[in-house]
Amino acid sequence: MEHSEMLRQVGQAVIDLDVEGATARVDDCLAAGLAPAKVLAEGLSAGMRTVGEKFKNGEYYMPEVLVACDVYYQGLEKLKPLLRAQGGRGQRGKMILGTIYGDIHTVGKDVAAPVFEAAGFEVVDLGVDVPDKKIVEAIREHQPHIVGLGTYMTSTFMHTRETVRLIEESGLRPQVKIICGGPAVDPGAARRMGADDASDDAWEAIPRLERLMAELKAEGRAA
């Protein structure tokens, strides 16, 4: 079987929400000598991009997207050790991602993380209801380029100002860009609270993340 067809089958398994099929096809690709980064980019990630298109077009709904995320992650687990060994993750940058303090919603974050990974970002998931202090500690520990704050309610979105304030007081604000995500967000309001951008759609957020990375590079804060 041609390598291109093997990669297509990996992506199709994600689209078909087939966990066992995806992991088996990933194994087949690795056994055939395909590079792990290629399997991720042209197999799993390609499948997730199609899932995103189907979601936007109304062909898939949130339950299907969540299953697709699980399929993606199951396949990624096969690749992670190899990617780390080869330095093949996070080609576009690193980000920490967590639902803001006071908010226990997890679905939006759980959808966004694999979408961002599929786009080439290394994602450190901090979980939900994340205290501001933990975000500051994570910036120090992981040295991310971007901080993603999941804000799924208007009341918790308003906490963004306090989160940004603590990051500023820690002296870490100049080295990161901050983006808010969720149905309660508004880019203009997020900027007024000290963040750099916002998006209520994980796939639509990708070009925004790319722009933030470009700004960091222009400022000399990203390689």
N, C-alpha and C. Protein backbone atom coordinates (compact mmCIF):
# COMPACT_ATOMS: atom_id res chain seq x y z
N MET A 1 0.85 -1.20 0.00
CA MET A 1 0.00 0.00 0.00
C MET A 1 0.88 1.25 0.00
N GLU A 2 0.52 2.23 -0.80
CA GLU A 2 1.29 3.46 -0.87
C GLU A 2 1.18 4.24 0.44
N HIS A 3 2.25 4.95 0.75
CA HIS A 3 2.27 5.70 2.00
C HIS A 3 1.16 6.74 2.06
N SER A 4 0.88 7.39 0.93
CA SER A 4 -0.18 8.40 0.92
C SER A 4 -1.52 7.80 1.29
N GLU A 5 -1.77 6.58 0.85
CA GLU A 5 -3.03 5.91 1.17
C GLU A 5 -3.06 5.51 2.65
N MET A 6 -1.93 5.11 3.19
CA MET A 6 -1.88 4.77 4.60
C MET A 6 -2.19 5.99 5.47
N LEU A 7 -1.63 7.14 5.09
CA LEU A 7 -1.89 8.36 5.84
C LEU A 7 -3.36 8.79 5.70
N ARG A 8 -3.90 8.60 4.50
CA ARG A 8 -5.31 8.94 4.29
C ARG A 8 -6.20 8.10 5.20
N GLN A 9 -5.84 6.84 5.37
CA GLN A 9 -6.64 5.95 6.21
C GLN A 9 -6.58 6.36 7.69
N VAL A 10 -5.43 6.88 8.12
CA VAL A 10 -5.33 7.38 9.49
C VAL A 10 -6.31 8.54 9.68
N GLY A 11 -6.27 9.49 8.76
CA GLY A 11 -7.17 10.63 8.84
C GLY A 11 -8.63 10.21 8.75
N GLN A 12 -8.92 9.24 7.90
CA GLN A 12 -10.29 8.78 7.74
C GLN A 12 -10.81 8.13 9.01
N ALA A 13 -9.93 7.45 9.73
CA ALA A 13 -10.34 6.83 10.99
C ALA A 13 -10.77 7.90 12.00
N VAL A 14 -10.06 9.04 12.00
CA VAL A 14 -10.47 10.15 12.87
C VAL A 14 -11.84 10.66 12.45
N ILE A 15 -12.02 10.85 11.17
CA ILE A 15 -13.30 11.33 10.63
C ILE A 15 -14.43 10.35 10.94
N ASP A 16 -14.11 9.05 10.87
CA ASP A 16 -15.12 8.01 11.12
C ASP A 16 -15.32 7.73 12.60
N LEU A 17 -14.58 8.43 13.45
CA LEU A 17 -14.69 8.27 14.92
C LEU A 17 -14.33 6.84 15.34
N ASP A 18 -13.31 6.30 14.69
CA ASP A 18 -12.91 4.91 14.88
C ASP A 18 -11.61 4.84 15.67
N VAL A 19 -11.72 4.68 16.99
CA VAL A 19 -10.54 4.66 17.85
C VAL A 19 -9.61 3.51 17.50
N GLU A 20 -10.14 2.31 17.46
CA GLU A 20 -9.31 1.13 17.18
C GLU A 20 -8.68 1.22 15.80
N GLY A 21 -9.46 1.70 14.84
CA GLY A 21 -8.94 1.83 13.49
C GLY A 21 -7.81 2.82 13.40
N ALA A 22 -7.94 3.94 14.12
CA ALA A 22 -6.90 4.97 14.08
C ALA A 22 -5.60 4.47 14.66
N THR A 23 -5.67 3.83 15.83
CA THR A 23 -4.43 3.35 16.46
C THR A 23 -3.79 2.25 15.62
N ALA A 24 -4.61 1.41 15.02
CA ALA A 24 -4.08 0.34 14.17
C ALA A 24 -3.41 0.92 12.93
N ARG A 25 -4.04 1.94 12.33
CA ARG A 25 -3.47 2.55 11.13
C ARG A 25 -2.18 3.31 11.46
N VAL A 26 -2.13 3.94 12.65
CA VAL A 26 -0.90 4.60 13.08
C VAL A 26 0.22 3.56 13.22
N ASP A 27 -0.09 2.44 13.83
CA ASP A 27 0.90 1.36 13.96
C ASP A 27 1.39 0.91 12.59
N ASP A 28 0.47 0.78 11.64
CA ASP A 28 0.84 0.36 10.28
C ASP A 28 1.80 1.36 9.66
N CYS A 29 1.52 2.64 9.85
CA CYS A 29 2.38 3.68 9.27
C CYS A 29 3.78 3.62 9.87
N LEU A 30 3.85 3.46 11.18
CA LEU A 30 5.16 3.40 11.83
C LEU A 30 5.93 2.15 11.39
N ALA A 31 5.21 1.04 11.26
CA ALA A 31 5.85 -0.21 10.82
C ALA A 31 6.38 -0.07 9.40
N ALA A 32 5.73 0.78 8.61
CA ALA A 32 6.16 0.98 7.22
C ALA A 32 7.29 1.99 7.12
N GLY A 33 7.69 2.54 8.27
CA GLY A 33 8.83 3.46 8.27
C GLY A 33 8.48 4.92 8.08
N LEU A 34 7.20 5.26 8.16
CA LEU A 34 6.81 6.66 8.02
C LEU A 34 7.24 7.47 9.25
N ALA A 35 7.67 8.68 9.03
CA ALA A 35 8.11 9.53 10.14
C ALA A 35 6.93 9.88 11.03
N PRO A 36 7.11 9.82 12.35
CA PRO A 36 6.01 10.16 13.27
C PRO A 36 5.40 11.53 13.00
N ALA A 37 6.24 12.53 12.70
CA ALA A 37 5.73 13.88 12.43
C ALA A 37 4.84 13.88 11.20
N LYS A 38 5.17 13.05 10.23
CA LYS A 38 4.36 12.96 9.01
C LYS A 38 3.02 12.30 9.30
N VAL A 39 3.05 11.26 10.15
CA VAL A 39 1.81 10.58 10.52
C VAL A 39 0.89 11.54 11.27
N LEU A 40 1.49 12.39 12.11
CA LEU A 40 0.70 13.37 12.85
C LEU A 40 0.13 14.43 11.91
N ALA A 41 0.98 15.02 11.10
CA ALA A 41 0.56 16.14 10.25
C ALA A 41 -0.39 15.72 9.14
N GLU A 42 -0.04 14.63 8.44
CA GLU A 42 -0.80 14.25 7.25
C GLU A 42 -1.82 13.15 7.51
N GLY A 43 -1.83 12.63 8.75
CA GLY A 43 -2.80 11.61 9.12
C GLY A 43 -3.78 12.13 10.14
N LEU A 44 -3.38 12.14 11.41
CA LEU A 44 -4.27 12.54 12.50
C LEU A 44 -4.73 13.99 12.37
N SER A 45 -3.79 14.89 12.12
CA SER A 45 -4.15 16.31 12.05
C SER A 45 -5.04 16.61 10.85
N ALA A 46 -4.75 15.95 9.73
CA ALA A 46 -5.59 16.13 8.55
C ALA A 46 -7.02 15.68 8.84
N GLY A 47 -7.15 14.59 9.57
CA GLY A 47 -8.48 14.11 9.95
C GLY A 47 -9.20 15.11 10.83
N MET A 48 -8.49 15.69 11.81
CA MET A 48 -9.11 16.66 12.71
C MET A 48 -9.53 17.93 11.96
N ARG A 49 -8.75 18.32 10.97
CA ARG A 49 -9.14 19.49 10.17
C ARG A 49 -10.46 19.24 9.45
N THR A 50 -10.62 18.04 8.93
CA THR A 50 -11.87 17.69 8.25
C THR A 50 -13.03 17.66 9.24
N VAL A 51 -12.77 17.14 10.44
CA VAL A 51 -13.80 17.14 11.47
C VAL A 51 -14.23 18.58 11.77
N GLY A 52 -13.28 19.49 11.86
CA GLY A 52 -13.59 20.89 12.09
C GLY A 52 -14.46 21.47 10.98
N GLU A 53 -14.15 21.11 9.73
CA GLU A 53 -14.95 21.60 8.61
C GLU A 53 -16.38 21.05 8.68
N LYS A 54 -16.49 19.78 9.04
CA LYS A 54 -17.83 19.18 9.15
C LYS A 54 -18.63 19.82 10.29
N PHE A 55 -17.94 20.17 11.36
CA PHE A 55 -18.62 20.83 12.48
C PHE A 55 -19.13 22.21 12.04
N LYS A 56 -18.29 22.95 11.34
CA LYS A 56 -18.70 24.27 10.88
C LYS A 56 -19.86 24.19 9.90
N ASN A 57 -19.86 23.13 9.10
CA ASN A 57 -20.90 22.98 8.08
C ASN A 57 -22.18 22.36 8.63
N GLY A 58 -22.17 22.00 9.91
CA GLY A 58 -23.36 21.42 10.50
C GLY A 58 -23.52 19.93 10.25
N GLU A 59 -22.47 19.29 9.69
CA GLU A 59 -22.54 17.85 9.44
C GLU A 59 -22.24 17.06 10.72
N TYR A 60 -21.40 17.62 11.57
CA TYR A 60 -21.08 17.02 12.86
C TYR A 60 -21.55 17.95 13.97
N TYR A 61 -21.90 17.36 15.10
CA TYR A 61 -22.28 18.13 16.27
C TYR A 61 -21.27 17.87 17.38
N MET A 62 -21.43 18.53 18.52
CA MET A 62 -20.42 18.45 19.56
C MET A 62 -20.12 17.02 20.01
N PRO A 63 -21.11 16.13 20.16
CA PRO A 63 -20.76 14.75 20.57
C PRO A 63 -19.79 14.08 19.60
N GLU A 64 -20.00 14.28 18.29
CA GLU A 64 -19.08 13.69 17.31
C GLU A 64 -17.69 14.32 17.41
N VAL A 65 -17.65 15.62 17.63
CA VAL A 65 -16.36 16.30 17.75
C VAL A 65 -15.58 15.76 18.95
N LEU A 66 -16.28 15.56 20.06
CA LEU A 66 -15.61 15.05 21.26
C LEU A 66 -15.06 13.64 21.04
N VAL A 67 -15.81 12.81 20.34
CA VAL A 67 -15.31 11.46 20.04
C VAL A 67 -14.11 11.56 19.10
N ALA A 68 -14.17 12.45 18.13
CA ALA A 68 -13.04 12.64 17.22
C ALA A 68 -11.80 13.08 17.98
N CYS A 69 -11.98 13.95 18.97
CA CYS A 69 -10.86 14.37 19.81
C CYS A 69 -10.24 13.17 20.52
N ASP A 70 -11.09 12.29 21.02
CA ASP A 70 -10.59 11.10 21.72
C ASP A 70 -9.81 10.21 20.76
N VAL A 71 -10.34 10.05 19.55
CA VAL A 71 -9.63 9.25 18.53
C VAL A 71 -8.27 9.87 18.24
N TYR A 72 -8.26 11.18 18.07
CA TYR A 72 -7.00 11.89 17.79
C TYR A 72 -5.99 11.64 18.90
N TYR A 73 -6.44 11.78 20.15
CA TYR A 73 -5.52 11.62 21.28
C TYR A 73 -5.02 10.19 21.41
N GLN A 74 -5.87 9.22 21.12
CA GLN A 74 -5.43 7.82 21.19
C GLN A 74 -4.31 7.58 20.18
N GLY A 75 -4.47 8.13 18.99
CA GLY A 75 -3.42 7.99 17.99
C GLY A 75 -2.17 8.75 18.38
N LEU A 76 -2.37 9.94 18.96
CA LEU A 76 -1.23 10.76 19.37
C LEU A 76 -0.41 10.08 20.45
N GLU A 77 -1.08 9.34 21.35
CA GLU A 77 -0.35 8.64 22.41
C GLU A 77 0.68 7.67 21.82
N LYS A 78 0.37 7.12 20.68
CA LYS A 78 1.32 6.21 20.01
C LYS A 78 2.55 6.98 19.50
N LEU A 79 2.32 8.24 19.15
CA LEU A 79 3.38 9.02 18.52
C LEU A 79 4.21 9.85 19.49
N LYS A 80 3.63 10.20 20.63
CA LYS A 80 4.29 11.13 21.55
C LYS A 80 5.73 10.77 21.89
N PRO A 81 6.02 9.53 22.30
CA PRO A 81 7.41 9.22 22.66
C PRO A 81 8.38 9.42 21.50
N LEU A 82 7.93 9.07 20.31
CA LEU A 82 8.78 9.20 19.13
C LEU A 82 8.95 10.67 18.74
N LEU A 83 7.88 11.43 18.86
CA LEU A 83 7.95 12.85 18.52
C LEU A 83 8.86 13.60 19.48
N ARG A 84 8.76 13.26 20.77
CA ARG A 84 9.62 13.92 21.76
C ARG A 84 11.09 13.61 21.46
N ALA A 85 11.36 12.36 21.13
CA ALA A 85 12.74 11.94 20.85
C ALA A 85 13.32 12.67 19.65
N GLN A 86 12.43 13.00 18.69
CA GLN A 86 12.89 13.65 17.46
C GLN A 86 12.67 15.16 17.47
N GLY A 87 12.10 15.66 18.59
CA GLY A 87 11.82 17.09 18.65
C GLY A 87 10.77 17.50 17.65
N GLY A 88 9.80 16.64 17.41
CA GLY A 88 8.83 16.89 16.35
C GLY A 88 7.51 17.47 16.78
N ARG A 89 7.39 17.95 18.00
CA ARG A 89 6.13 18.56 18.43
C ARG A 89 6.35 20.05 18.69
N GLY A 90 5.27 20.78 18.59
CA GLY A 90 5.33 22.20 18.89
C GLY A 90 6.12 23.01 17.90
N GLN A 91 6.00 22.63 16.59
CA GLN A 91 6.77 23.35 15.59
C GLN A 91 6.39 24.83 15.53
N ARG A 92 5.14 25.15 15.85
CA ARG A 92 4.69 26.53 15.75
C ARG A 92 4.82 27.29 17.06
N GLY A 93 4.98 26.57 18.16
CA GLY A 93 5.10 27.23 19.44
C GLY A 93 4.49 26.40 20.55
N LYS A 94 4.66 26.88 21.76
CA LYS A 94 4.12 26.18 22.93
C LYS A 94 3.08 27.06 23.61
N MET A 95 2.02 26.42 24.11
CA MET A 95 1.02 27.17 24.84
C MET A 95 0.53 26.38 26.04
N ILE A 96 0.16 27.11 27.09
CA ILE A 96 -0.53 26.48 28.21
C ILE A 96 -2.00 26.83 28.06
N LEU A 97 -2.85 25.89 28.44
CA LEU A 97 -4.28 26.04 28.21
C LEU A 97 -5.04 25.59 29.45
N GLY A 98 -5.94 26.41 29.93
CA GLY A 98 -6.72 26.02 31.09
C GLY A 98 -7.99 26.84 31.21
N THR A 99 -8.99 26.25 31.83
CA THR A 99 -10.23 26.99 32.09
C THR A 99 -10.02 27.89 33.29
N ILE A 100 -10.43 29.14 33.16
CA ILE A 100 -10.12 30.17 34.13
C ILE A 100 -10.74 29.86 35.50
N TYR A 101 -10.15 30.45 36.53
CA TYR A 101 -10.60 30.23 37.91
C TYR A 101 -12.09 30.54 38.06
N GLY A 102 -12.80 29.62 38.72
CA GLY A 102 -14.24 29.79 38.93
C GLY A 102 -15.09 29.12 37.88
N ASP A 103 -14.46 28.58 36.83
CA ASP A 103 -15.19 27.95 35.72
C ASP A 103 -14.80 26.48 35.63
N ILE A 104 -15.78 25.60 35.71
CA ILE A 104 -15.50 24.16 35.69
C ILE A 104 -15.87 23.52 34.36
N HIS A 105 -16.22 24.32 33.36
CA HIS A 105 -16.55 23.76 32.05
C HIS A 105 -15.30 23.19 31.38
N THR A 106 -15.43 22.01 30.84
CA THR A 106 -14.26 21.34 30.26
C THR A 106 -14.38 21.06 28.77
N VAL A 107 -15.62 21.02 28.24
CA VAL A 107 -15.81 20.61 26.85
C VAL A 107 -15.06 21.49 25.87
N GLY A 108 -15.19 22.82 26.02
CA GLY A 108 -14.52 23.71 25.08
C GLY A 108 -13.02 23.53 25.07
N LYS A 109 -12.43 23.42 26.24
CA LYS A 109 -10.99 23.21 26.34
C LYS A 109 -10.59 21.87 25.75
N ASP A 110 -11.40 20.85 26.01
CA ASP A 110 -11.07 19.52 25.52
C ASP A 110 -11.15 19.43 24.00
N VAL A 111 -11.98 20.26 23.40
CA VAL A 111 -12.02 20.34 21.94
C VAL A 111 -10.85 21.16 21.42
N ALA A 112 -10.56 22.27 22.08
CA ALA A 112 -9.52 23.18 21.59
C ALA A 112 -8.13 22.56 21.61
N ALA A 113 -7.80 21.82 22.68
CA ALA A 113 -6.44 21.29 22.82
C ALA A 113 -6.00 20.46 21.62
N PRO A 114 -6.77 19.44 21.19
CA PRO A 114 -6.32 18.67 20.03
C PRO A 114 -6.32 19.47 18.74
N VAL A 115 -7.23 20.45 18.61
CA VAL A 115 -7.24 21.30 17.43
C VAL A 115 -5.94 22.11 17.35
N PHE A 116 -5.52 22.65 18.49
CA PHE A 116 -4.28 23.43 18.51
C PHE A 116 -3.06 22.53 18.27
N GLU A 117 -3.09 21.33 18.85
CA GLU A 117 -1.99 20.39 18.61
C GLU A 117 -1.94 19.99 17.14
N ALA A 118 -3.12 19.79 16.56
CA ALA A 118 -3.17 19.42 15.15
C ALA A 118 -2.60 20.52 14.26
N ALA A 119 -2.68 21.76 14.75
CA ALA A 119 -2.15 22.90 13.98
C ALA A 119 -0.65 23.10 14.21
N GLY A 120 -0.05 22.27 15.08
CA GLY A 120 1.39 22.35 15.26
C GLY A 120 1.87 22.98 16.54
N PHE A 121 0.95 23.23 17.49
CA PHE A 121 1.35 23.79 18.77
C PHE A 121 1.51 22.69 19.81
N GLU A 122 2.50 22.84 20.66
CA GLU A 122 2.61 21.97 21.83
C GLU A 122 1.70 22.56 22.90
N VAL A 123 0.79 21.74 23.44
CA VAL A 123 -0.20 22.23 24.40
C VAL A 123 0.00 21.57 25.75
N VAL A 124 0.11 22.38 26.78
CA VAL A 124 0.15 21.91 28.16
C VAL A 124 -1.21 22.21 28.77
N ASP A 125 -1.97 21.17 29.07
CA ASP A 125 -3.34 21.33 29.58
C ASP A 125 -3.31 21.43 31.10
N LEU A 126 -3.75 22.56 31.63
CA LEU A 126 -3.73 22.79 33.08
C LEU A 126 -5.03 22.36 33.75
N GLY A 127 -6.05 22.00 32.96
CA GLY A 127 -7.31 21.55 33.54
C GLY A 127 -8.33 22.66 33.66
N VAL A 128 -9.25 22.52 34.62
CA VAL A 128 -10.34 23.49 34.79
C VAL A 128 -10.23 24.18 36.15
N ASP A 129 -10.94 25.31 36.27
CA ASP A 129 -10.97 26.06 37.53
C ASP A 129 -9.54 26.32 38.02
N VAL A 130 -8.70 26.83 37.10
CA VAL A 130 -7.27 26.97 37.38
C VAL A 130 -6.99 28.28 38.14
N PRO A 131 -6.45 28.19 39.35
CA PRO A 131 -6.11 29.41 40.10
C PRO A 131 -5.06 30.24 39.36
N ASP A 132 -5.15 31.54 39.53
CA ASP A 132 -4.19 32.42 38.85
C ASP A 132 -2.75 32.07 39.21
N LYS A 133 -2.53 31.72 40.47
CA LYS A 133 -1.18 31.37 40.91
C LYS A 133 -0.63 30.18 40.13
N LYS A 134 -1.50 29.21 39.83
CA LYS A 134 -1.07 28.04 39.07
C LYS A 134 -0.69 28.42 37.64
N ILE A 135 -1.41 29.38 37.06
CA ILE A 135 -1.07 29.84 35.72
C ILE A 135 0.31 30.49 35.72
N VAL A 136 0.57 31.33 36.71
CA VAL A 136 1.89 31.97 36.82
C VAL A 136 2.98 30.91 36.98
N GLU A 137 2.74 29.92 37.84
CA GLU A 137 3.72 28.85 38.04
C GLU A 137 3.96 28.08 36.75
N ALA A 138 2.87 27.85 35.97
CA ALA A 138 3.00 27.11 34.72
C ALA A 138 3.79 27.90 33.68
N ILE A 139 3.64 29.22 33.68
CA ILE A 139 4.43 30.04 32.75
C ILE A 139 5.91 29.92 33.09
N ARG A 140 6.22 29.98 34.38
CA ARG A 140 7.63 29.85 34.80
C ARG A 140 8.18 28.47 34.44
N GLU A 141 7.38 27.44 34.67
CA GLU A 141 7.85 26.08 34.46
C GLU A 141 7.97 25.71 33.00
N HIS A 142 6.94 26.03 32.21
CA HIS A 142 6.88 25.53 30.83
C HIS A 142 7.37 26.53 29.79
N GLN A 143 7.52 27.81 30.19
CA GLN A 143 8.01 28.84 29.27
C GLN A 143 7.22 28.86 27.95
N PRO A 144 5.91 28.99 28.03
CA PRO A 144 5.10 28.99 26.81
C PRO A 144 5.19 30.32 26.07
N HIS A 145 4.77 30.29 24.82
CA HIS A 145 4.64 31.53 24.07
C HIS A 145 3.26 32.14 24.28
N ILE A 146 2.26 31.26 24.43
CA ILE A 146 0.87 31.71 24.50
C ILE A 146 0.19 31.11 25.72
N VAL A 147 -0.64 31.92 26.38
CA VAL A 147 -1.48 31.46 27.47
C VAL A 147 -2.92 31.48 26.98
N GLY A 148 -3.57 30.32 26.97
CA GLY A 148 -4.96 30.22 26.53
C GLY A 148 -5.87 30.08 27.74
N LEU A 149 -6.80 31.02 27.89
CA LEU A 149 -7.72 31.01 29.02
C LEU A 149 -9.12 30.64 28.54
N GLY A 150 -9.64 29.49 28.98
CA GLY A 150 -11.00 29.10 28.66
C GLY A 150 -11.96 29.87 29.55
N THR A 151 -12.85 30.65 28.96
CA THR A 151 -13.79 31.48 29.73
C THR A 151 -15.18 31.25 29.15
N TYR A 152 -15.94 30.37 29.79
CA TYR A 152 -17.20 29.91 29.19
C TYR A 152 -18.44 30.55 29.79
N MET A 153 -18.27 31.43 30.77
CA MET A 153 -19.38 32.17 31.33
C MET A 153 -18.98 33.64 31.44
N THR A 154 -19.96 34.53 31.31
CA THR A 154 -19.65 35.96 31.38
C THR A 154 -18.99 36.31 32.71
N SER A 155 -19.49 35.72 33.79
CA SER A 155 -18.95 36.04 35.11
C SER A 155 -17.48 35.64 35.23
N THR A 156 -17.12 34.49 34.71
CA THR A 156 -15.72 34.06 34.81
C THR A 156 -14.85 34.76 33.77
N PHE A 157 -15.43 35.15 32.63
CA PHE A 157 -14.69 35.93 31.65
C PHE A 157 -14.18 37.21 32.30
N MET A 158 -14.98 37.79 33.18
CA MET A 158 -14.59 39.04 33.83
C MET A 158 -13.38 38.84 34.75
N HIS A 159 -13.10 37.59 35.12
CA HIS A 159 -11.93 37.32 35.96
C HIS A 159 -10.62 37.47 35.18
N THR A 160 -10.74 37.57 33.87
CA THR A 160 -9.53 37.71 33.02
C THR A 160 -8.65 38.86 33.50
N ARG A 161 -9.27 39.97 33.88
CA ARG A 161 -8.50 41.14 34.31
C ARG A 161 -7.58 40.80 35.49
N GLU A 162 -8.11 40.03 36.44
CA GLU A 162 -7.33 39.66 37.62
C GLU A 162 -6.21 38.69 37.25
N THR A 163 -6.51 37.76 36.35
CA THR A 163 -5.49 36.80 35.91
C THR A 163 -4.33 37.53 35.23
N VAL A 164 -4.68 38.43 34.33
CA VAL A 164 -3.64 39.20 33.62
C VAL A 164 -2.84 40.05 34.60
N ARG A 165 -3.52 40.64 35.58
CA ARG A 165 -2.84 41.48 36.56
C ARG A 165 -1.77 40.69 37.31
N LEU A 166 -2.10 39.47 37.72
CA LEU A 166 -1.14 38.66 38.45
C LEU A 166 0.04 38.26 37.57
N ILE A 167 -0.24 37.97 36.30
CA ILE A 167 0.85 37.65 35.36
C ILE A 167 1.77 38.86 35.20
N GLU A 168 1.17 40.04 35.14
CA GLU A 168 1.97 41.26 35.02
C GLU A 168 2.82 41.49 36.26
N GLU A 169 2.22 41.30 37.44
CA GLU A 169 2.95 41.51 38.69
C GLU A 169 4.10 40.53 38.85
N SER A 170 3.97 39.36 38.24
CA SER A 170 5.03 38.35 38.33
C SER A 170 6.20 38.68 37.41
N GLY A 171 6.00 39.68 36.53
CA GLY A 171 7.04 40.05 35.59
C GLY A 171 7.10 39.19 34.35
N LEU A 172 6.10 38.34 34.16
CA LEU A 172 6.11 37.39 33.05
C LEU A 172 5.30 37.85 31.84
N ARG A 173 4.54 38.91 32.00
CA ARG A 173 3.64 39.33 30.92
C ARG A 173 4.35 39.61 29.60
N PRO A 174 5.54 40.24 29.60
CA PRO A 174 6.18 40.55 28.32
C PRO A 174 6.55 39.32 27.48
N GLN A 175 6.68 38.14 28.11
CA GLN A 175 7.15 36.99 27.35
C GLN A 175 6.01 36.15 26.77
N VAL A 176 4.76 36.47 27.07
CA VAL A 176 3.64 35.66 26.58
C VAL A 176 2.56 36.52 25.94
N LYS A 177 1.81 35.89 25.05
CA LYS A 177 0.58 36.47 24.54
C LYS A 177 -0.58 35.71 25.19
N ILE A 178 -1.67 36.41 25.46
CA ILE A 178 -2.80 35.82 26.16
C ILE A 178 -4.03 35.88 25.27
N ILE A 179 -4.66 34.72 25.08
CA ILE A 179 -5.88 34.65 24.28
C ILE A 179 -6.97 33.96 25.09
N CYS A 180 -8.17 34.53 25.05
CA CYS A 180 -9.32 33.95 25.74
C CYS A 180 -10.16 33.16 24.74
N GLY A 181 -10.85 32.14 25.24
CA GLY A 181 -11.68 31.34 24.35
C GLY A 181 -12.96 30.92 25.03
N GLY A 182 -14.03 30.84 24.23
CA GLY A 182 -15.31 30.40 24.76
C GLY A 182 -16.45 31.27 24.27
N PRO A 183 -17.67 30.81 24.43
CA PRO A 183 -18.84 31.55 23.92
C PRO A 183 -19.07 32.88 24.60
N ALA A 184 -18.45 33.10 25.76
CA ALA A 184 -18.67 34.36 26.48
C ALA A 184 -17.66 35.43 26.10
N VAL A 185 -16.71 35.11 25.23
CA VAL A 185 -15.61 36.04 24.97
C VAL A 185 -15.92 37.01 23.85
N ASP A 186 -15.21 38.11 23.88
CA ASP A 186 -15.27 39.13 22.84
C ASP A 186 -13.87 39.71 22.72
N PRO A 187 -13.30 39.74 21.51
CA PRO A 187 -11.91 40.23 21.38
C PRO A 187 -11.69 41.62 21.96
N GLY A 188 -12.61 42.53 21.69
CA GLY A 188 -12.46 43.88 22.20
C GLY A 188 -12.47 43.92 23.72
N ALA A 189 -13.41 43.20 24.32
CA ALA A 189 -13.50 43.17 25.78
C ALA A 189 -12.27 42.50 26.37
N ALA A 190 -11.78 41.44 25.72
CA ALA A 190 -10.60 40.75 26.21
C ALA A 190 -9.40 41.68 26.22
N ARG A 191 -9.25 42.48 25.18
CA ARG A 191 -8.13 43.42 25.13
C ARG A 191 -8.26 44.49 26.20
N ARG A 192 -9.48 44.92 26.46
CA ARG A 192 -9.68 45.92 27.51
C ARG A 192 -9.31 45.38 28.89
N MET A 193 -9.39 44.06 29.04
CA MET A 193 -9.03 43.43 30.31
C MET A 193 -7.57 43.01 30.35
N GLY A 194 -6.82 43.35 29.30
CA GLY A 194 -5.39 43.10 29.31
C GLY A 194 -4.92 41.93 28.48
N ALA A 195 -5.85 41.12 27.93
CA ALA A 195 -5.46 40.01 27.07
C ALA A 195 -5.11 40.55 25.68
N ASP A 196 -4.62 39.68 24.80
CA ASP A 196 -4.22 40.10 23.47
C ASP A 196 -5.25 39.80 22.39
N ASP A 197 -6.10 38.80 22.65
CA ASP A 197 -7.10 38.43 21.64
C ASP A 197 -8.10 37.47 22.26
N ALA A 198 -9.11 37.10 21.49
CA ALA A 198 -10.12 36.14 21.95
C ALA A 198 -10.80 35.51 20.75
N SER A 199 -11.34 34.33 20.95
CA SER A 199 -12.08 33.64 19.89
C SER A 199 -13.06 32.68 20.53
N ASP A 200 -14.23 32.51 19.91
CA ASP A 200 -15.20 31.56 20.43
C ASP A 200 -15.25 30.28 19.59
N ASP A 201 -14.22 30.09 18.74
CA ASP A 201 -14.17 28.93 17.86
C ASP A 201 -12.72 28.46 17.77
N ALA A 202 -12.48 27.19 18.13
CA ALA A 202 -11.10 26.68 18.18
C ALA A 202 -10.42 26.74 16.82
N TRP A 203 -11.15 26.38 15.76
CA TRP A 203 -10.55 26.38 14.44
C TRP A 203 -10.31 27.80 13.95
N GLU A 204 -11.24 28.70 14.24
CA GLU A 204 -11.07 30.09 13.85
C GLU A 204 -9.93 30.73 14.63
N ALA A 205 -9.60 30.16 15.78
CA ALA A 205 -8.53 30.72 16.62
C ALA A 205 -7.14 30.47 16.04
N ILE A 206 -6.99 29.48 15.17
CA ILE A 206 -5.66 29.13 14.66
C ILE A 206 -4.95 30.32 14.02
N PRO A 207 -5.57 31.04 13.05
CA PRO A 207 -4.85 32.19 12.49
C PRO A 207 -4.56 33.27 13.52
N ARG A 208 -5.38 33.36 14.55
CA ARG A 208 -5.11 34.32 15.62
C ARG A 208 -3.86 33.91 16.40
N LEU A 209 -3.74 32.61 16.67
CA LEU A 209 -2.54 32.12 17.36
C LEU A 209 -1.30 32.36 16.50
N GLU A 210 -1.43 32.13 15.21
CA GLU A 210 -0.31 32.35 14.30
C GLU A 210 0.11 33.82 14.30
N ARG A 211 -0.90 34.71 14.34
CA ARG A 211 -0.58 36.14 14.37
C ARG A 211 0.12 36.52 15.67
N LEU A 212 -0.34 35.95 16.78
CA LEU A 212 0.31 36.24 18.07
C LEU A 212 1.75 35.74 18.08
N MET A 213 1.98 34.57 17.48
CA MET A 213 3.35 34.06 17.39
C MET A 213 4.22 34.98 16.53
N ALA A 214 3.65 35.49 15.45
CA ALA A 214 4.39 36.41 14.58
C ALA A 214 4.75 37.68 15.34
N GLU A 215 3.83 38.15 16.18
CA GLU A 215 4.11 39.34 16.98
C GLU A 215 5.25 39.08 17.95
N LEU A 216 5.23 37.91 18.59
CA LEU A 216 6.31 37.57 19.52
C LEU A 216 7.66 37.53 18.82
N LYS A 217 7.67 36.95 17.63
CA LYS A 217 8.92 36.87 16.87
C LYS A 217 9.41 38.26 16.48
N ALA A 218 8.46 39.11 16.08
CA ALA A 218 8.83 40.48 15.69
C ALA A 218 9.39 41.24 16.89
N GLU A 219 8.92 40.88 18.08
CA GLU A 219 9.39 41.52 19.32
C GLU A 219 10.65 40.86 19.84
N GLY A 220 11.10 39.80 19.16
CA GLY A 220 12.32 39.11 19.58
C GLY A 220 12.12 38.20 20.76
N ARG A 221 10.88 37.76 20.99
CA ARG A 221 10.60 36.92 22.16
C ARG A 221 10.28 35.49 21.79
N ALA A 222 10.40 35.12 20.54
CA ALA A 222 10.19 33.74 20.10
C ALA A 222 11.18 33.44 19.00
N ALA A 223 11.70 32.20 19.04
CA ALA A 223 12.72 31.82 18.04
C ALA A 223 12.07 31.67 16.69
